[in-house]
Amino acid sequence: MGSVMSHFSKILLSLAILISSVQLSGQTHQNWNVVFPTSETSEAQQHFLDGVTNMHLHMFEDAERHFRQAQQLSPDFAMAYWGEALNNHRTIWSIHRLDEARAVLNRLGATPAARAAKAPTARGKSLSGGNRKIIRCRHSG
């Protein structure tokens, strides 16, 4: 009887861990206390925070999805485009997708001036307006 209870306890514990991990994944930014103020205060900001958090956790596909959701909710949200562009620079694996990063920024505006014009804050203007540190970055392979 003791081994049956032990086996049952292990299954119950495994199930509890699985359920709690599923519940936590939906609120990543709240669990990691990310603070990154932008001009947005809507649901787009929440997706942006999830994107930033996921990017820093190396969950790049999830980050891209959140940045794009933020862009859909607020098409001129310059920081959401900046986040998606930066997400293409994955230093941990030496992946630098510069063409993809440029394409993301070009969806916001065709030129640095056009992108900067859509950003209401100085930080947004400097990051989305040219983002030269991302765009012109060259790495040896």
C-alpha atoms as a PDB file:
ATOM      1  CA  MET A   1       0.000   0.000   0.000  1.00  0.00           C
ATOM      2  CA  GLY A   2       2.900   2.374   0.793  1.00  0.00           C
ATOM      3  CA  SER A   3       4.360   2.143  -2.712  1.00  0.00           C
ATOM      4  CA  VAL A   4       0.933   2.810  -4.257  1.00  0.00           C
ATOM      5  CA  MET A   5       0.567   6.005  -2.203  1.00  0.00           C
ATOM      6  CA  SER A   6       4.074   7.042  -3.120  1.00  0.00           C
ATOM      7  CA  HIS A   7       3.374   6.541  -6.820  1.00  0.00           C
ATOM      8  CA  PHE A   8       0.057   8.406  -6.538  1.00  0.00           C
ATOM      9  CA  SER A   9       1.800  11.273  -4.703  1.00  0.00           C
ATOM     10  CA  LYS A  10       4.401  11.563  -7.465  1.00  0.00           C
ATOM     11  CA  ILE A  11       1.725  11.737 -10.138  1.00  0.00           C
ATOM     12  CA  LEU A  12      -0.213  14.349  -8.160  1.00  0.00           C
ATOM     13  CA  LEU A  13       2.913  16.447  -7.644  1.00  0.00           C
ATOM     14  CA  SER A  14       3.809  16.246 -11.351  1.00  0.00           C
ATOM     15  CA  LEU A  15       0.292  17.325 -12.302  1.00  0.00           C
ATOM     16  CA  ALA A  16       0.415  20.285  -9.880  1.00  0.00           C
ATOM     17  CA  ILE A  17       3.742  21.438 -11.348  1.00  0.00           C
ATOM     18  CA  LEU A  18       2.421  21.147 -14.896  1.00  0.00           C
ATOM     19  CA  ILE A  19      -0.741  23.124 -14.110  1.00  0.00           C
ATOM     20  CA  SER A  20       1.165  25.893 -12.330  1.00  0.00           C
ATOM     21  CA  SER A  21       3.663  26.274 -15.194  1.00  0.00           C
ATOM     22  CA  VAL A  22       0.850  26.632 -17.733  1.00  0.00           C
ATOM     23  CA  GLN A  23      -0.797  29.357 -15.641  1.00  0.00           C
ATOM     24  CA  LEU A  24       2.464  31.306 -15.274  1.00  0.00           C
ATOM     25  CA  SER A  25       3.305  31.432 -18.980  1.00  0.00           C
ATOM     26  CA  GLY A  26       0.402  33.775 -19.761  1.00  0.00           C
ATOM     27  CA  GLN A  27       1.649  36.508 -17.406  1.00  0.00           C
ATOM     28  CA  THR A  28       5.373  36.511 -18.029  1.00  0.00           C
ATOM     29  CA  HIS A  29       5.948  40.256 -17.636  1.00  0.00           C
ATOM     30  CA  GLN A  30       4.141  40.400 -14.311  1.00  0.00           C
ATOM     31  CA  ASN A  31       6.242  37.581 -12.930  1.00  0.00           C
ATOM     32  CA  TRP A  32       9.496  39.227 -13.993  1.00  0.00           C
ATOM     33  CA  ASN A  33       8.469  42.777 -13.004  1.00  0.00           C
ATOM     34  CA  VAL A  34       9.490  44.344 -16.305  1.00  0.00           C
ATOM     35  CA  VAL A  35       9.103  48.114 -16.237  1.00  0.00           C
ATOM     36  CA  PHE A  36       9.525  49.797 -19.618  1.00  0.00           C
ATOM     37  CA  PRO A  37       7.387  52.920 -19.949  1.00  0.00           C
ATOM     38  CA  THR A  38       6.343  53.974 -23.431  1.00  0.00           C
ATOM     39  CA  SER A  39       3.788  56.346 -24.880  1.00  0.00           C
ATOM     40  CA  GLU A  40       1.261  53.474 -24.908  1.00  0.00           C
ATOM     41  CA  THR A  41      -0.981  52.695 -21.979  1.00  0.00           C
ATOM     42  CA  SER A  42      -3.343  50.271 -23.665  1.00  0.00           C
ATOM     43  CA  GLU A  43      -3.348  46.537 -24.307  1.00  0.00           C
ATOM     44  CA  ALA A  44      -0.588  47.201 -26.867  1.00  0.00           C
ATOM     45  CA  GLN A  45       1.716  48.149 -23.972  1.00  0.00           C
ATOM     46  CA  GLN A  46       0.985  44.814 -22.268  1.00  0.00           C
ATOM     47  CA  HIS A  47       1.954  42.933 -25.434  1.00  0.00           C
ATOM     48  CA  PHE A  48       5.087  45.076 -25.728  1.00  0.00           C
ATOM     49  CA  LEU A  49       6.077  44.168 -22.144  1.00  0.00           C
ATOM     50  CA  ASP A  50       5.446  40.496 -22.849  1.00  0.00           C
ATOM     51  CA  GLY A  51       7.598  40.805 -25.974  1.00  0.00           C
ATOM     52  CA  VAL A  52      10.474  42.443 -24.097  1.00  0.00           C
ATOM     53  CA  THR A  53      10.315  39.830 -21.352  1.00  0.00           C
ATOM     54  CA  ASN A  54      10.145  36.903 -23.759  1.00  0.00           C
ATOM     55  CA  MET A  55      13.036  38.295 -25.780  1.00  0.00           C
ATOM     56  CA  HIS A  56      15.186  38.486 -22.655  1.00  0.00           C
ATOM     57  CA  LEU A  57      14.191  34.933 -21.742  1.00  0.00           C
ATOM     58  CA  HIS A  58      15.347  33.850 -25.235  1.00  0.00           C
ATOM     59  CA  MET A  59      11.780  32.968 -26.194  1.00  0.00           C
ATOM     60  CA  PHE A  60      12.195  34.747 -29.510  1.00  0.00           C
ATOM     61  CA  GLU A  61       9.162  33.371 -31.358  1.00  0.00           C
ATOM     62  CA  ASP A  62       6.862  34.336 -28.480  1.00  0.00           C
ATOM     63  CA  ALA A  63       8.490  37.772 -28.353  1.00  0.00           C
ATOM     64  CA  GLU A  64       7.873  38.324 -32.068  1.00  0.00           C
ATOM     65  CA  ARG A  65       4.231  37.322 -31.678  1.00  0.00           C
ATOM     66  CA  HIS A  66       3.724  39.828 -28.847  1.00  0.00           C
ATOM     67  CA  PHE A  67       5.484  42.667 -30.675  1.00  0.00           C
ATOM     68  CA  ARG A  68       3.294  42.044 -33.735  1.00  0.00           C
ATOM     69  CA  GLN A  69       0.141  41.949 -31.606  1.00  0.00           C
ATOM     70  CA  ALA A  70       1.151  45.316 -30.143  1.00  0.00           C
ATOM     71  CA  GLN A  71       1.618  46.661 -33.686  1.00  0.00           C
ATOM     72  CA  GLN A  72      -1.811  45.385 -34.742  1.00  0.00           C
ATOM     73  CA  LEU A  73      -3.458  47.086 -31.778  1.00  0.00           C
ATOM     74  CA  SER A  74      -1.515  50.312 -32.288  1.00  0.00           C
ATOM     75  CA  PRO A  75      -0.076  50.529 -35.843  1.00  0.00           C
ATOM     76  CA  ASP A  76       2.078  53.591 -35.066  1.00  0.00           C
ATOM     77  CA  PHE A  77       3.526  52.166 -31.822  1.00  0.00           C
ATOM     78  CA  ALA A  78       7.164  52.741 -32.774  1.00  0.00           C
ATOM     79  CA  MET A  79       8.574  50.867 -29.779  1.00  0.00           C
ATOM     80  CA  ALA A  80       6.767  47.663 -30.821  1.00  0.00           C
ATOM     81  CA  TYR A  81       8.605  47.783 -34.165  1.00  0.00           C
ATOM     82  CA  TRP A  82      11.877  48.555 -32.403  1.00  0.00           C
ATOM     83  CA  GLY A  83      11.338  45.528 -30.147  1.00  0.00           C
ATOM     84  CA  GLU A  84      10.639  43.230 -33.075  1.00  0.00           C
ATOM     85  CA  ALA A  85      13.675  44.539 -34.965  1.00  0.00           C
ATOM     86  CA  LEU A  86      15.906  44.062 -31.915  1.00  0.00           C
ATOM     87  CA  ASN A  87      14.477  40.558 -31.460  1.00  0.00           C
ATOM     88  CA  ASN A  88      16.242  39.626 -34.715  1.00  0.00           C
ATOM     89  CA  HIS A  89      19.622  40.191 -33.025  1.00  0.00           C
ATOM     90  CA  ARG A  90      20.126  37.000 -31.011  1.00  0.00           C
ATOM     91  CA  THR A  91      23.591  37.367 -29.593  1.00  0.00           C
ATOM     92  CA  ILE A  92      23.445  34.229 -27.462  1.00  0.00           C
ATOM     93  CA  TRP A  93      23.401  32.121 -30.646  1.00  0.00           C
ATOM     94  CA  SER A  94      25.349  34.533 -32.879  1.00  0.00           C
ATOM     95  CA  ILE A  95      22.262  35.065 -35.030  1.00  0.00           C
ATOM     96  CA  HIS A  96      22.072  38.536 -36.558  1.00  0.00           C
ATOM     97  CA  ARG A  97      19.211  38.816 -39.039  1.00  0.00           C
ATOM     98  CA  LEU A  98      19.877  42.350 -40.225  1.00  0.00           C
ATOM     99  CA  ASP A  99      17.686  42.166 -43.342  1.00  0.00           C
ATOM    100  CA  GLU A 100      14.718  41.046 -41.237  1.00  0.00           C
ATOM    101  CA  ALA A 101      15.363  43.829 -38.701  1.00  0.00           C
ATOM    102  CA  ARG A 102      15.463  46.411 -41.509  1.00  0.00           C
ATOM    103  CA  ALA A 103      12.235  45.018 -42.965  1.00  0.00           C
ATOM    104  CA  VAL A 104      10.479  45.390 -39.590  1.00  0.00           C
ATOM    105  CA  LEU A 105      11.516  49.036 -39.286  1.00  0.00           C
ATOM    106  CA  ASN A 106      10.506  49.674 -42.902  1.00  0.00           C
ATOM    107  CA  ARG A 107       6.975  48.486 -42.058  1.00  0.00           C
ATOM    108  CA  LEU A 108       6.791  51.420 -39.630  1.00  0.00           C
ATOM    109  CA  GLY A 109       8.202  53.888 -42.156  1.00  0.00           C
ATOM    110  CA  ALA A 110      10.362  53.822 -45.272  1.00  0.00           C
ATOM    111  CA  THR A 111      12.972  56.231 -43.942  1.00  0.00           C
ATOM    112  CA  PRO A 112      14.467  57.045 -40.542  1.00  0.00           C
ATOM    113  CA  ALA A 113      12.670  60.401 -40.636  1.00  0.00           C
ATOM    114  CA  ALA A 114       9.305  58.751 -41.403  1.00  0.00           C
ATOM    115  CA  ARG A 115       9.775  56.318 -38.522  1.00  0.00           C
ATOM    116  CA  ALA A 116      10.846  59.047 -36.106  1.00  0.00           C
ATOM    117  CA  ALA A 117       7.809  61.122 -37.052  1.00  0.00           C
ATOM    118  CA  LYS A 118       5.523  58.377 -35.707  1.00  0.00           C
ATOM    119  CA  ALA A 119       7.204  58.224 -32.301  1.00  0.00           C
ATOM    120  CA  PRO A 120       5.836  60.731 -29.772  1.00  0.00           C
ATOM    121  CA  THR A 121       8.774  60.523 -27.335  1.00  0.00           C
ATOM    122  CA  ALA A 122      12.477  61.309 -27.662  1.00  0.00           C
ATOM    123  CA  ARG A 123      13.434  57.729 -26.798  1.00  0.00           C
ATOM    124  CA  GLY A 124      11.008  56.376 -29.376  1.00  0.00           C
ATOM    125  CA  LYS A 125      12.337  58.773 -32.005  1.00  0.00           C
ATOM    126  CA  SER A 126      15.952  57.806 -31.369  1.00  0.00           C
ATOM    127  CA  LEU A 127      15.298  54.052 -31.342  1.00  0.00           C
ATOM    128  CA  SER A 128      12.816  53.739 -34.195  1.00  0.00           C
ATOM    129  CA  GLY A 129      14.009  56.670 -36.254  1.00  0.00           C
ATOM    130  CA  GLY A 130      17.161  55.025 -37.379  1.00  0.00           C
ATOM    131  CA  ASN A 131      18.146  52.401 -34.915  1.00  0.00           C
ATOM    132  CA  ARG A 132      21.551  52.565 -36.519  1.00  0.00           C
ATOM    133  CA  LYS A 133      23.099  50.379 -33.809  1.00  0.00           C
ATOM    134  CA  ILE A 134      20.929  47.465 -34.929  1.00  0.00           C
ATOM    135  CA  ILE A 135      20.804  48.215 -38.625  1.00  0.00           C
ATOM    136  CA  ARG A 136      24.485  48.924 -39.248  1.00  0.00           C
ATOM    137  CA  CYS A 137      25.841  46.311 -36.876  1.00  0.00           C
ATOM    138  CA  ARG A 138      28.224  43.941 -38.631  1.00  0.00           C
ATOM    139  CA  HIS A 139      29.444  40.698 -37.156  1.00  0.00           C
ATOM    140  CA  SER A 140      32.007  38.267 -38.417  1.00  0.00           C
ATOM    141  CA  GLY A 141      30.712  34.782 -38.932  1.00  0.00           C
END
